[in-house]
Amino acid sequence: MWISSSAFEKVLDCSHCLSPVTFGKRLEPSGEFVRRYVPELQNFPTEWIYQPWQAPESVQEKSGCVIGKDYPLPIVDYSQASQRCRYNTGMKVNTSNIRIRPPA
């Protein structure tokens, strides 16, 4: 397995963190992939399909999926996680608002 992936080493060496919201909107703006494989979100408007937790409660209720009740809240704060990733990989980053957990 290692040898088969070594040809793509440059591809795997990400020097930046991809936002799942921005990347999803850019890669598949209609949201059909999410609707197909995440049935709880199938009735969400395209505007909110990649960030349903930010949709107004009225939109969530109309879609039949209230985030935190019918579908889980996000488990990762992307902005914190991406800054932590940059910090841990030695990239330049503003460290004033990063919460780094001490090693276990």
C-alpha atoms as a PDB file:
ATOM      1  CA  MET A   1       0.000   0.000   0.000  1.00  0.00           C
ATOM      2  CA  TRP A   2       2.795   2.446   0.873  1.00  0.00           C
ATOM      3  CA  ILE A   3       4.532   1.914  -2.458  1.00  0.00           C
ATOM      4  CA  SER A   4       1.333   2.446  -4.429  1.00  0.00           C
ATOM      5  CA  SER A   5       0.771   5.814  -2.771  1.00  0.00           C
ATOM      6  CA  SER A   6       4.361   6.986  -2.990  1.00  0.00           C
ATOM      7  CA  ALA A   7       3.847   8.058  -6.616  1.00  0.00           C
ATOM      8  CA  PHE A   8       1.319  10.606  -5.401  1.00  0.00           C
ATOM      9  CA  GLU A   9       3.429  11.950  -2.559  1.00  0.00           C
ATOM     10  CA  LYS A  10       3.212  15.502  -3.872  1.00  0.00           C
ATOM     11  CA  VAL A  11      -0.570  15.276  -4.054  1.00  0.00           C
ATOM     12  CA  LEU A  12      -0.752  14.025  -0.480  1.00  0.00           C
ATOM     13  CA  ASP A  13       1.529  16.794   0.798  1.00  0.00           C
ATOM     14  CA  CYS A  14      -1.154  19.407   1.427  1.00  0.00           C
ATOM     15  CA  SER A  15       0.273  22.762   2.327  1.00  0.00           C
ATOM     16  CA  HIS A  16      -3.186  24.120   3.081  1.00  0.00           C
ATOM     17  CA  CYS A  17      -6.369  22.931   4.719  1.00  0.00           C
ATOM     18  CA  LEU A  18      -9.478  22.568   2.613  1.00  0.00           C
ATOM     19  CA  SER A  19     -12.739  23.926   3.960  1.00  0.00           C
ATOM     20  CA  PRO A  20     -15.400  21.229   3.612  1.00  0.00           C
ATOM     21  CA  VAL A  21     -18.008  23.934   2.981  1.00  0.00           C
ATOM     22  CA  THR A  22     -16.054  25.857   0.337  1.00  0.00           C
ATOM     23  CA  PHE A  23     -14.659  22.701  -1.273  1.00  0.00           C
ATOM     24  CA  GLY A  24     -18.114  21.114  -1.478  1.00  0.00           C
ATOM     25  CA  LYS A  25     -19.658  24.224  -3.019  1.00  0.00           C
ATOM     26  CA  ARG A  26     -16.856  24.456  -5.572  1.00  0.00           C
ATOM     27  CA  LEU A  27     -16.727  20.748  -6.437  1.00  0.00           C
ATOM     28  CA  GLU A  28     -20.446  20.006  -6.516  1.00  0.00           C
ATOM     29  CA  PRO A  29     -22.475  23.243  -6.204  1.00  0.00           C
ATOM     30  CA  SER A  30     -25.899  21.651  -6.671  1.00  0.00           C
ATOM     31  CA  GLY A  31     -25.559  19.532  -3.515  1.00  0.00           C
ATOM     32  CA  GLU A  32     -26.955  16.428  -5.225  1.00  0.00           C
ATOM     33  CA  PHE A  33     -24.187  14.232  -3.836  1.00  0.00           C
ATOM     34  CA  VAL A  34     -25.062  15.248  -0.269  1.00  0.00           C
ATOM     35  CA  ARG A  35     -28.778  14.797  -0.930  1.00  0.00           C
ATOM     36  CA  ARG A  36     -28.190  11.319  -2.309  1.00  0.00           C
ATOM     37  CA  TYR A  37     -25.945  10.022   0.473  1.00  0.00           C
ATOM     38  CA  VAL A  38     -27.275  12.013   3.446  1.00  0.00           C
ATOM     39  CA  PRO A  39     -31.024  11.469   3.228  1.00  0.00           C
ATOM     40  CA  GLU A  40     -31.709  13.618   6.301  1.00  0.00           C
ATOM     41  CA  LEU A  41     -30.559  16.644   4.278  1.00  0.00           C
ATOM     42  CA  GLN A  42     -32.298  15.795   1.004  1.00  0.00           C
ATOM     43  CA  ASN A  43     -34.924  18.529   1.395  1.00  0.00           C
ATOM     44  CA  PHE A  44     -32.495  21.293   2.376  1.00  0.00           C
ATOM     45  CA  PRO A  45     -32.218  24.239  -0.008  1.00  0.00           C
ATOM     46  CA  THR A  46     -28.992  24.333  -2.019  1.00  0.00           C
ATOM     47  CA  GLU A  47     -27.985  27.521  -0.212  1.00  0.00           C
ATOM     48  CA  TRP A  48     -27.655  25.597   3.071  1.00  0.00           C
ATOM     49  CA  ILE A  49     -26.780  22.060   1.955  1.00  0.00           C
ATOM     50  CA  TYR A  50     -23.082  22.358   2.870  1.00  0.00           C
ATOM     51  CA  GLN A  51     -23.662  24.173   6.154  1.00  0.00           C
ATOM     52  CA  PRO A  52     -27.101  23.118   7.412  1.00  0.00           C
ATOM     53  CA  TRP A  53     -26.275  24.065  11.027  1.00  0.00           C
ATOM     54  CA  GLN A  54     -26.257  27.721   9.931  1.00  0.00           C
ATOM     55  CA  ALA A  55     -29.683  27.593   8.290  1.00  0.00           C
ATOM     56  CA  PRO A  56     -32.414  29.525  10.096  1.00  0.00           C
ATOM     57  CA  GLU A  57     -34.608  27.332  12.264  1.00  0.00           C
ATOM     58  CA  SER A  58     -37.580  27.989   9.963  1.00  0.00           C
ATOM     59  CA  VAL A  59     -35.607  26.553   7.008  1.00  0.00           C
ATOM     60  CA  GLN A  60     -34.606  23.511   9.059  1.00  0.00           C
ATOM     61  CA  GLU A  61     -38.196  22.863  10.144  1.00  0.00           C
ATOM     62  CA  LYS A  62     -39.520  23.304   6.598  1.00  0.00           C
ATOM     63  CA  SER A  63     -36.855  20.844   5.377  1.00  0.00           C
ATOM     64  CA  GLY A  64     -37.907  18.296   7.994  1.00  0.00           C
ATOM     65  CA  CYS A  65     -34.480  18.155   9.607  1.00  0.00           C
ATOM     66  CA  VAL A  66     -33.621  20.202  12.667  1.00  0.00           C
ATOM     67  CA  ILE A  67     -29.876  20.195  13.244  1.00  0.00           C
ATOM     68  CA  GLY A  68     -29.069  18.914  16.715  1.00  0.00           C
ATOM     69  CA  LYS A  69     -32.293  16.893  16.816  1.00  0.00           C
ATOM     70  CA  ASP A  70     -32.742  15.033  13.513  1.00  0.00           C
ATOM     71  CA  TYR A  71     -29.118  15.350  12.416  1.00  0.00           C
ATOM     72  CA  PRO A  72     -26.021  15.924  14.607  1.00  0.00           C
ATOM     73  CA  LEU A  73     -24.353  19.267  15.129  1.00  0.00           C
ATOM     74  CA  PRO A  74     -20.845  19.625  13.677  1.00  0.00           C
ATOM     75  CA  ILE A  75     -18.241  17.797  15.762  1.00  0.00           C
ATOM     76  CA  VAL A  76     -15.320  19.905  14.500  1.00  0.00           C
ATOM     77  CA  ASP A  77     -14.990  23.677  14.391  1.00  0.00           C
ATOM     78  CA  TYR A  78     -13.315  23.938  10.997  1.00  0.00           C
ATOM     79  CA  SER A  79     -11.684  27.316  11.592  1.00  0.00           C
ATOM     80  CA  GLN A  80     -10.078  26.085  14.831  1.00  0.00           C
ATOM     81  CA  ALA A  81      -9.086  22.733  13.305  1.00  0.00           C
ATOM     82  CA  SER A  82      -7.480  24.307  10.238  1.00  0.00           C
ATOM     83  CA  GLN A  83      -5.508  26.776  12.371  1.00  0.00           C
ATOM     84  CA  ARG A  84      -4.388  23.944  14.651  1.00  0.00           C
ATOM     85  CA  CYS A  85      -3.317  21.952  11.579  1.00  0.00           C
ATOM     86  CA  ARG A  86      -1.329  24.880  10.222  1.00  0.00           C
ATOM     87  CA  TYR A  87       0.278  25.414  13.616  1.00  0.00           C
ATOM     88  CA  ASN A  88       1.181  21.718  13.997  1.00  0.00           C
ATOM     89  CA  THR A  89       2.710  21.572  10.514  1.00  0.00           C
ATOM     90  CA  GLY A  90       4.828  24.656  11.110  1.00  0.00           C
ATOM     91  CA  MET A  91       2.941  26.938   8.756  1.00  0.00           C
ATOM     92  CA  LYS A  92       2.706  30.635   9.590  1.00  0.00           C
ATOM     93  CA  VAL A  93      -0.504  31.310  11.468  1.00  0.00           C
ATOM     94  CA  ASN A  94      -1.939  33.757  13.967  1.00  0.00           C
ATOM     95  CA  THR A  95      -1.716  31.766  17.200  1.00  0.00           C
ATOM     96  CA  SER A  96      -3.590  34.211  19.418  1.00  0.00           C
ATOM     97  CA  ASN A  97      -6.897  32.327  19.184  1.00  0.00           C
ATOM     98  CA  ILE A  98      -5.735  28.712  18.857  1.00  0.00           C
ATOM     99  CA  ARG A  99      -6.566  26.324  21.673  1.00  0.00           C
ATOM    100  CA  ILE A 100      -3.837  23.670  21.737  1.00  0.00           C
ATOM    101  CA  ARG A 101      -4.440  20.698  24.001  1.00  0.00           C
ATOM    102  CA  PRO A 102      -1.435  19.522  26.008  1.00  0.00           C
ATOM    103  CA  PRO A 103      -0.163  16.044  25.047  1.00  0.00           C
ATOM    104  CA  ALA A 104      -1.895  13.191  26.860  1.00  0.00           C
END
